[in-house]
Amino acid sequence: MPTKIGLLAILSAAVLGLTGCGEGTAEGGDDDQPEGGGAELFVEAHDFRFEIEGATLPESGQDVTVRMVNEGDAPHTFSSEEVGLDIEADPGGEGEGTFTVPDDGTSDFQCNIHPDQMKLTLTTGEPASSDTGSGESESESEDDPGGDDLDY
């Protein structure tokens, strides 16, 4: 009988020890933190704008993982030369990349395929600001009022 009690005590200790090891993993961790740590941003690319809800950058020097889903009919990128990020996604596709927040806490992003129409600035401690407005640039409305003959 003492052997069963000893075995039960060892199994209980093992279960408790393993329960603590699950913290921070993809299944049991914080939803706002990717598996490797740092912040995570979700970006939707539409024709011709980015959507990113209430995103702010963490402090400078922190890593940020970006996941972009392309909800548009054209291919798009989410790119920034200053932080070395270039995510590409075909229509209906998605892509992911990681960058480090620069010392000044501000990063400008654009779609390299539609750089005049799709721009976004992210700043530490401030909500995302987009330069795209309604999603239709002045050149689109003047040069192609129907929006049907766009080159990608």
N, C-alpha and C. Protein backbone atom coordinates (compact mmCIF):
# COMPACT_ATOMS: atom_id res chain seq x y z
N MET A 1 0.81 -1.20 0.00
CA MET A 1 0.00 0.00 0.00
C MET A 1 0.85 1.26 0.00
N PRO A 2 1.92 1.36 0.78
CA PRO A 2 2.75 2.56 0.77
C PRO A 2 3.31 2.83 -0.62
N THR A 3 3.51 1.82 -1.43
CA THR A 3 4.03 2.00 -2.78
C THR A 3 3.03 2.75 -3.65
N LYS A 4 1.75 2.43 -3.52
CA LYS A 4 0.72 3.13 -4.30
C LYS A 4 0.64 4.60 -3.91
N ILE A 5 0.76 4.91 -2.63
CA ILE A 5 0.70 6.30 -2.17
C ILE A 5 1.91 7.08 -2.69
N GLY A 6 3.08 6.44 -2.65
CA GLY A 6 4.30 7.09 -3.17
C GLY A 6 4.19 7.35 -4.66
N LEU A 7 3.67 6.37 -5.40
CA LEU A 7 3.49 6.52 -6.84
C LEU A 7 2.49 7.63 -7.16
N LEU A 8 1.41 7.70 -6.36
CA LEU A 8 0.40 8.74 -6.54
C LEU A 8 1.01 10.12 -6.29
N ALA A 9 1.86 10.24 -5.29
CA ALA A 9 2.51 11.52 -4.98
C ALA A 9 3.43 11.94 -6.12
N ILE A 10 4.18 11.01 -6.68
CA ILE A 10 5.09 11.31 -7.79
C ILE A 10 4.30 11.73 -9.02
N LEU A 11 3.23 11.01 -9.34
CA LEU A 11 2.40 11.38 -10.49
C LEU A 11 1.76 12.75 -10.31
N SER A 12 1.29 13.05 -9.10
CA SER A 12 0.68 14.36 -8.83
C SER A 12 1.70 15.47 -9.02
N ALA A 13 2.91 15.28 -8.54
CA ALA A 13 3.97 16.29 -8.70
C ALA A 13 4.30 16.48 -10.18
N ALA A 14 4.35 15.38 -10.94
CA ALA A 14 4.65 15.48 -12.36
C ALA A 14 3.57 16.24 -13.11
N VAL A 15 2.30 15.97 -12.80
CA VAL A 15 1.19 16.67 -13.45
C VAL A 15 1.25 18.15 -13.15
N LEU A 16 1.49 18.51 -11.89
CA LEU A 16 1.59 19.92 -11.52
C LEU A 16 2.77 20.58 -12.22
N GLY A 17 3.89 19.90 -12.31
CA GLY A 17 5.07 20.44 -12.99
C GLY A 17 4.83 20.67 -14.46
N LEU A 18 4.16 19.72 -15.13
CA LEU A 18 3.88 19.86 -16.55
C LEU A 18 2.86 20.95 -16.82
N THR A 19 1.92 21.16 -15.92
CA THR A 19 0.92 22.20 -16.10
C THR A 19 1.59 23.56 -16.19
N GLY A 20 2.60 23.82 -15.38
CA GLY A 20 3.30 25.10 -15.40
C GLY A 20 4.12 25.28 -16.65
N CYS A 21 4.55 24.21 -17.32
CA CYS A 21 5.38 24.31 -18.51
C CYS A 21 4.60 24.77 -19.73
N GLY A 22 3.27 24.69 -19.71
CA GLY A 22 2.47 25.06 -20.87
C GLY A 22 2.35 26.56 -21.06
N GLU A 23 2.74 27.36 -20.07
CA GLU A 23 2.59 28.80 -20.17
C GLU A 23 3.45 29.35 -21.29
N GLY A 24 2.88 30.26 -22.10
CA GLY A 24 3.63 30.94 -23.15
C GLY A 24 3.71 30.17 -24.45
N THR A 25 3.13 29.00 -24.55
CA THR A 25 3.15 28.27 -25.81
C THR A 25 2.02 28.76 -26.70
N ALA A 26 2.02 28.33 -27.95
CA ALA A 26 1.00 28.77 -28.90
C ALA A 26 -0.40 28.39 -28.42
N GLU A 27 -0.54 27.22 -27.76
CA GLU A 27 -1.86 26.79 -27.33
C GLU A 27 -2.28 27.43 -26.01
N GLY A 28 -1.35 27.55 -25.06
CA GLY A 28 -1.74 28.01 -23.74
C GLY A 28 -1.28 29.41 -23.41
N GLY A 29 -0.68 30.10 -24.37
CA GLY A 29 -0.10 31.41 -24.09
C GLY A 29 -1.06 32.55 -24.32
N ASP A 30 -0.52 33.76 -24.23
CA ASP A 30 -1.27 34.99 -24.42
C ASP A 30 -1.56 35.18 -25.90
N ASP A 31 -2.81 35.45 -26.28
CA ASP A 31 -3.19 35.59 -27.69
C ASP A 31 -2.54 36.78 -28.37
N ASP A 32 -2.11 37.81 -27.61
CA ASP A 32 -1.50 38.99 -28.20
C ASP A 32 -0.01 38.80 -28.44
N GLN A 33 0.56 37.70 -28.02
CA GLN A 33 1.98 37.46 -28.15
C GLN A 33 2.22 36.27 -29.07
N PRO A 34 3.03 36.46 -30.13
CA PRO A 34 3.39 35.31 -30.94
C PRO A 34 4.27 34.36 -30.13
N GLU A 35 4.46 33.15 -30.62
CA GLU A 35 5.16 32.12 -29.87
C GLU A 35 6.55 32.57 -29.44
N GLY A 36 7.27 33.34 -30.27
CA GLY A 36 8.62 33.77 -29.93
C GLY A 36 8.66 35.01 -29.07
N GLY A 37 7.56 35.56 -28.64
CA GLY A 37 7.53 36.79 -27.85
C GLY A 37 7.32 37.99 -28.76
N GLY A 38 7.20 39.17 -28.19
CA GLY A 38 6.99 40.38 -28.97
C GLY A 38 5.52 40.60 -29.24
N ALA A 39 5.24 41.62 -30.04
CA ALA A 39 3.86 41.99 -30.35
C ALA A 39 3.45 41.38 -31.69
N GLU A 40 2.14 41.32 -31.91
CA GLU A 40 1.62 40.80 -33.17
C GLU A 40 0.60 41.78 -33.73
N LEU A 41 0.70 42.06 -35.04
CA LEU A 41 -0.23 42.94 -35.73
C LEU A 41 -0.92 42.16 -36.84
N PHE A 42 -2.20 42.42 -37.02
CA PHE A 42 -2.97 41.81 -38.10
C PHE A 42 -3.38 42.91 -39.06
N VAL A 43 -3.02 42.78 -40.33
CA VAL A 43 -3.31 43.77 -41.36
C VAL A 43 -4.14 43.12 -42.45
N GLU A 44 -5.21 43.81 -42.86
CA GLU A 44 -5.98 43.39 -44.03
C GLU A 44 -5.68 44.35 -45.16
N ALA A 45 -5.36 43.81 -46.33
CA ALA A 45 -5.15 44.62 -47.52
C ALA A 45 -6.39 44.50 -48.39
N HIS A 46 -6.95 45.64 -48.74
CA HIS A 46 -8.11 45.70 -49.63
C HIS A 46 -7.71 46.53 -50.85
N ASP A 47 -8.54 46.56 -51.86
CA ASP A 47 -8.26 47.39 -53.02
C ASP A 47 -8.85 48.76 -52.78
N PHE A 48 -8.17 49.71 -52.44
CA PHE A 48 -6.76 49.99 -52.34
C PHE A 48 -6.48 50.67 -51.02
N ARG A 49 -6.55 49.92 -49.93
CA ARG A 49 -6.31 50.45 -48.59
C ARG A 49 -5.88 49.32 -47.65
N PHE A 50 -5.23 49.71 -46.55
CA PHE A 50 -4.93 48.78 -45.46
C PHE A 50 -5.94 49.01 -44.35
N GLU A 51 -6.32 47.97 -43.66
CA GLU A 51 -7.14 48.08 -42.46
C GLU A 51 -6.37 47.40 -41.33
N ILE A 52 -6.24 48.15 -40.23
CA ILE A 52 -5.56 47.63 -39.07
C ILE A 52 -6.20 48.31 -37.87
N GLU A 53 -6.91 47.56 -37.06
CA GLU A 53 -7.70 48.10 -35.96
C GLU A 53 -6.85 48.49 -34.76
N GLY A 54 -6.87 49.77 -34.40
CA GLY A 54 -6.28 50.26 -33.16
C GLY A 54 -4.86 49.82 -32.87
N ALA A 55 -4.07 49.57 -33.88
CA ALA A 55 -2.72 49.06 -33.67
C ALA A 55 -1.76 50.17 -33.27
N THR A 56 -0.93 49.88 -32.31
CA THR A 56 0.18 50.75 -31.95
C THR A 56 1.43 49.88 -31.86
N LEU A 57 2.57 50.50 -32.06
CA LEU A 57 3.82 49.76 -31.94
C LEU A 57 4.23 49.69 -30.47
N PRO A 58 4.89 48.59 -30.10
CA PRO A 58 5.46 48.54 -28.75
C PRO A 58 6.69 49.46 -28.69
N GLU A 59 7.38 49.47 -27.57
CA GLU A 59 8.57 50.30 -27.39
C GLU A 59 9.65 49.96 -28.42
N SER A 60 10.53 50.92 -28.70
CA SER A 60 11.62 50.69 -29.64
C SER A 60 12.47 49.51 -29.18
N GLY A 61 13.00 48.79 -30.17
CA GLY A 61 13.80 47.61 -29.90
C GLY A 61 13.01 46.33 -29.77
N GLN A 62 11.67 46.42 -29.67
CA GLN A 62 10.82 45.23 -29.54
C GLN A 62 10.54 44.63 -30.92
N ASP A 63 10.40 43.32 -30.97
CA ASP A 63 10.04 42.63 -32.21
C ASP A 63 8.54 42.65 -32.41
N VAL A 64 8.12 42.79 -33.67
CA VAL A 64 6.71 42.79 -34.04
C VAL A 64 6.52 41.78 -35.17
N THR A 65 5.59 40.86 -35.01
CA THR A 65 5.23 39.93 -36.08
C THR A 65 3.98 40.45 -36.75
N VAL A 66 4.03 40.59 -38.07
CA VAL A 66 2.90 41.12 -38.85
C VAL A 66 2.33 39.99 -39.69
N ARG A 67 1.02 39.82 -39.62
CA ARG A 67 0.32 38.88 -40.50
C ARG A 67 -0.62 39.69 -41.37
N MET A 68 -0.43 39.60 -42.68
CA MET A 68 -1.27 40.32 -43.63
C MET A 68 -2.12 39.33 -44.40
N VAL A 69 -3.42 39.65 -44.48
CA VAL A 69 -4.36 38.87 -45.29
C VAL A 69 -4.82 39.78 -46.42
N ASN A 70 -4.74 39.28 -47.65
CA ASN A 70 -5.15 40.05 -48.81
C ASN A 70 -6.61 39.75 -49.13
N GLU A 71 -7.47 40.69 -48.80
CA GLU A 71 -8.91 40.57 -49.06
C GLU A 71 -9.30 41.20 -50.39
N GLY A 72 -8.32 41.71 -51.13
CA GLY A 72 -8.60 42.41 -52.37
C GLY A 72 -8.53 41.53 -53.60
N ASP A 73 -8.73 42.17 -54.76
CA ASP A 73 -8.69 41.46 -56.04
C ASP A 73 -7.34 41.59 -56.74
N ALA A 74 -6.42 42.35 -56.14
CA ALA A 74 -5.10 42.56 -56.71
C ALA A 74 -4.05 42.05 -55.73
N PRO A 75 -2.85 41.71 -56.24
CA PRO A 75 -1.77 41.36 -55.31
C PRO A 75 -1.36 42.60 -54.52
N HIS A 76 -0.89 42.40 -53.28
CA HIS A 76 -0.46 43.51 -52.43
C HIS A 76 0.78 43.12 -51.64
N THR A 77 1.50 44.14 -51.17
CA THR A 77 2.59 43.93 -50.22
C THR A 77 2.34 44.81 -49.01
N PHE A 78 2.97 44.48 -47.91
CA PHE A 78 3.03 45.34 -46.72
C PHE A 78 4.51 45.47 -46.46
N SER A 79 5.07 46.63 -46.84
CA SER A 79 6.52 46.76 -46.91
C SER A 79 7.02 48.04 -46.26
N SER A 80 8.25 47.97 -45.75
CA SER A 80 8.93 49.13 -45.20
C SER A 80 10.42 48.92 -45.35
N GLU A 81 11.07 49.77 -46.14
CA GLU A 81 12.51 49.68 -46.30
C GLU A 81 13.22 49.98 -44.99
N GLU A 82 12.69 50.95 -44.22
CA GLU A 82 13.36 51.38 -42.99
C GLU A 82 13.46 50.28 -41.94
N VAL A 83 12.53 49.33 -41.92
CA VAL A 83 12.60 48.23 -40.94
C VAL A 83 12.86 46.88 -41.61
N GLY A 84 13.06 46.89 -42.93
CA GLY A 84 13.39 45.66 -43.65
C GLY A 84 12.28 44.64 -43.72
N LEU A 85 11.04 45.12 -43.89
CA LEU A 85 9.90 44.21 -43.97
C LEU A 85 9.31 44.24 -45.37
N ASP A 86 9.04 43.07 -45.94
CA ASP A 86 8.41 43.00 -47.26
C ASP A 86 7.56 41.73 -47.31
N ILE A 87 6.27 41.88 -47.00
CA ILE A 87 5.33 40.76 -47.02
C ILE A 87 4.53 40.85 -48.31
N GLU A 88 4.41 39.76 -49.04
CA GLU A 88 3.65 39.73 -50.28
C GLU A 88 2.50 38.75 -50.15
N ALA A 89 1.36 39.09 -50.77
CA ALA A 89 0.21 38.17 -50.77
C ALA A 89 -0.62 38.37 -52.02
N ASP A 90 -0.90 37.29 -52.70
CA ASP A 90 -1.81 37.31 -53.85
C ASP A 90 -3.23 37.45 -53.34
N PRO A 91 -4.18 37.76 -54.24
CA PRO A 91 -5.59 37.86 -53.82
C PRO A 91 -6.03 36.59 -53.08
N GLY A 92 -6.65 36.79 -51.91
CA GLY A 92 -7.11 35.67 -51.11
C GLY A 92 -6.02 35.00 -50.29
N GLY A 93 -4.77 35.44 -50.46
CA GLY A 93 -3.65 34.83 -49.75
C GLY A 93 -3.25 35.63 -48.52
N GLU A 94 -2.19 35.16 -47.88
CA GLU A 94 -1.68 35.85 -46.71
C GLU A 94 -0.18 35.67 -46.63
N GLY A 95 0.44 36.51 -45.82
CA GLY A 95 1.88 36.43 -45.60
C GLY A 95 2.21 36.92 -44.21
N GLU A 96 3.43 36.62 -43.77
CA GLU A 96 3.84 37.00 -42.43
C GLU A 96 5.30 37.40 -42.43
N GLY A 97 5.65 38.34 -41.56
CA GLY A 97 7.03 38.77 -41.42
C GLY A 97 7.22 39.43 -40.06
N THR A 98 8.49 39.64 -39.70
CA THR A 98 8.82 40.22 -38.41
C THR A 98 9.79 41.38 -38.61
N PHE A 99 9.64 42.42 -37.78
CA PHE A 99 10.57 43.54 -37.79
C PHE A 99 10.79 44.02 -36.37
N THR A 100 11.82 44.83 -36.19
CA THR A 100 12.12 45.42 -34.89
C THR A 100 11.76 46.89 -34.93
N VAL A 101 11.04 47.37 -33.91
CA VAL A 101 10.62 48.77 -33.85
C VAL A 101 11.87 49.65 -33.78
N PRO A 102 11.97 50.65 -34.68
CA PRO A 102 13.15 51.51 -34.70
C PRO A 102 13.23 52.42 -33.47
N ASP A 103 14.40 53.03 -33.28
CA ASP A 103 14.65 53.87 -32.11
C ASP A 103 13.67 55.02 -31.98
N ASP A 104 13.22 55.61 -33.10
CA ASP A 104 12.29 56.75 -33.01
C ASP A 104 10.85 56.31 -32.80
N GLY A 105 10.57 55.00 -32.85
CA GLY A 105 9.23 54.49 -32.56
C GLY A 105 8.21 54.69 -33.65
N THR A 106 8.64 55.07 -34.86
CA THR A 106 7.71 55.30 -35.97
C THR A 106 8.17 54.52 -37.19
N SER A 107 7.22 53.89 -37.88
CA SER A 107 7.52 53.16 -39.10
C SER A 107 6.46 53.45 -40.15
N ASP A 108 6.91 53.74 -41.36
CA ASP A 108 6.02 53.97 -42.49
C ASP A 108 5.99 52.70 -43.35
N PHE A 109 4.79 52.31 -43.74
CA PHE A 109 4.60 51.11 -44.55
C PHE A 109 3.84 51.49 -45.81
N GLN A 110 3.99 50.67 -46.85
CA GLN A 110 3.27 50.88 -48.10
C GLN A 110 3.12 49.56 -48.82
N CYS A 111 2.22 49.56 -49.79
CA CYS A 111 2.14 48.45 -50.74
C CYS A 111 3.07 48.83 -51.88
N ASN A 112 4.08 48.02 -52.15
CA ASN A 112 5.03 48.35 -53.22
C ASN A 112 4.40 48.29 -54.60
N ILE A 113 3.27 47.63 -54.73
CA ILE A 113 2.58 47.56 -56.01
C ILE A 113 1.71 48.79 -56.21
N HIS A 114 1.17 49.36 -55.13
CA HIS A 114 0.30 50.54 -55.17
C HIS A 114 0.80 51.59 -54.16
N PRO A 115 2.05 52.07 -54.31
CA PRO A 115 2.65 52.92 -53.28
C PRO A 115 1.98 54.29 -53.11
N ASP A 116 1.34 54.80 -54.14
CA ASP A 116 0.67 56.10 -54.03
C ASP A 116 -0.70 55.98 -53.38
N GLN A 117 -1.25 54.78 -53.33
CA GLN A 117 -2.60 54.59 -52.82
C GLN A 117 -2.63 53.94 -51.44
N MET A 118 -1.67 53.08 -51.14
CA MET A 118 -1.73 52.30 -49.91
C MET A 118 -0.53 52.61 -49.03
N LYS A 119 -0.75 53.48 -48.03
CA LYS A 119 0.30 53.89 -47.10
C LYS A 119 -0.25 53.81 -45.68
N LEU A 120 0.63 53.51 -44.74
CA LEU A 120 0.23 53.40 -43.35
C LEU A 120 1.41 53.76 -42.46
N THR A 121 1.15 54.53 -41.40
CA THR A 121 2.18 54.87 -40.43
C THR A 121 1.81 54.27 -39.08
N LEU A 122 2.77 53.58 -38.46
CA LEU A 122 2.59 53.03 -37.12
C LEU A 122 3.58 53.72 -36.19
N THR A 123 3.09 54.14 -35.01
CA THR A 123 3.91 54.86 -34.04
C THR A 123 3.70 54.27 -32.66
N THR A 124 4.78 54.17 -31.90
CA THR A 124 4.69 53.69 -30.52
C THR A 124 3.71 54.55 -29.74
N GLY A 125 2.71 53.91 -29.13
CA GLY A 125 1.76 54.59 -28.26
C GLY A 125 0.65 55.35 -28.96
N GLU A 126 0.57 55.33 -30.30
CA GLU A 126 -0.49 56.03 -31.03
C GLU A 126 -1.20 55.05 -31.96
N PRO A 127 -2.53 55.22 -32.16
CA PRO A 127 -3.24 54.34 -33.10
C PRO A 127 -2.71 54.51 -34.52
N ALA A 128 -2.84 53.47 -35.32
CA ALA A 128 -2.37 53.49 -36.71
C ALA A 128 -3.05 54.61 -37.48
N SER A 129 -2.27 55.25 -38.37
CA SER A 129 -2.86 56.27 -39.24
C SER A 129 -2.59 55.89 -40.68
N SER A 130 -3.63 55.95 -41.49
CA SER A 130 -3.53 55.57 -42.89
C SER A 130 -3.63 56.80 -43.76
N ASP A 131 -2.83 56.83 -44.82
CA ASP A 131 -2.86 57.94 -45.76
C ASP A 131 -3.80 57.66 -46.92
N THR A 132 -4.59 56.59 -46.82
CA THR A 132 -5.41 56.18 -47.96
C THR A 132 -6.81 56.75 -47.94
N GLY A 133 -7.27 57.27 -46.83
CA GLY A 133 -8.61 57.86 -46.77
C GLY A 133 -9.68 56.87 -47.12
N SER A 134 -10.43 57.14 -48.17
CA SER A 134 -11.55 56.29 -48.56
C SER A 134 -11.12 55.03 -49.29
N GLY A 135 -9.83 54.94 -49.58
CA GLY A 135 -9.39 53.76 -50.32
C GLY A 135 -9.30 54.04 -51.80
N GLU A 136 -9.71 55.19 -52.26
CA GLU A 136 -9.62 55.56 -53.66
C GLU A 136 -8.75 56.79 -53.76
N SER A 137 -7.66 56.71 -54.51
CA SER A 137 -6.78 57.85 -54.64
C SER A 137 -7.33 58.84 -55.65
N GLU A 138 -6.79 60.06 -55.63
CA GLU A 138 -7.24 61.08 -56.59
C GLU A 138 -6.93 60.63 -58.00
N SER A 139 -5.76 59.97 -58.20
CA SER A 139 -5.41 59.55 -59.55
C SER A 139 -6.37 58.49 -60.07
N GLU A 140 -6.88 57.63 -59.20
CA GLU A 140 -7.86 56.63 -59.65
C GLU A 140 -9.13 57.31 -60.14
N SER A 141 -9.63 58.26 -59.35
CA SER A 141 -10.91 58.86 -59.70
C SER A 141 -10.79 59.74 -60.93
N GLU A 142 -9.62 60.36 -61.17
CA GLU A 142 -9.45 61.19 -62.35
C GLU A 142 -9.11 60.37 -63.58
N ASP A 143 -8.16 59.40 -63.43
CA ASP A 143 -7.67 58.66 -64.59
C ASP A 143 -8.53 57.47 -64.97
N ASP A 144 -9.24 56.92 -64.02
CA ASP A 144 -10.01 55.71 -64.28
C ASP A 144 -11.28 55.74 -63.45
N PRO A 145 -12.26 56.56 -63.86
CA PRO A 145 -13.45 56.71 -63.04
C PRO A 145 -14.20 55.41 -62.79
N GLY A 146 -14.14 54.46 -63.69
CA GLY A 146 -14.85 53.21 -63.49
C GLY A 146 -14.07 52.23 -62.64
N GLY A 147 -12.74 52.42 -62.57
CA GLY A 147 -11.90 51.53 -61.77
C GLY A 147 -11.73 50.16 -62.37
N ASP A 148 -12.10 49.97 -63.66
CA ASP A 148 -12.06 48.64 -64.26
C ASP A 148 -10.76 48.33 -64.99
N ASP A 149 -10.00 49.34 -65.39
CA ASP A 149 -8.83 49.12 -66.24
C ASP A 149 -7.52 49.35 -65.48
N LEU A 150 -7.42 48.92 -64.26
CA LEU A 150 -6.20 49.13 -63.47
C LEU A 150 -5.17 48.07 -63.83
N ASP A 151 -3.91 48.49 -63.95
CA ASP A 151 -2.80 47.57 -64.18
C ASP A 151 -2.22 47.16 -62.85
N TYR A 152 -1.94 45.88 -62.67
CA TYR A 152 -1.34 45.40 -61.42
C TYR A 152 0.03 44.94 -61.68
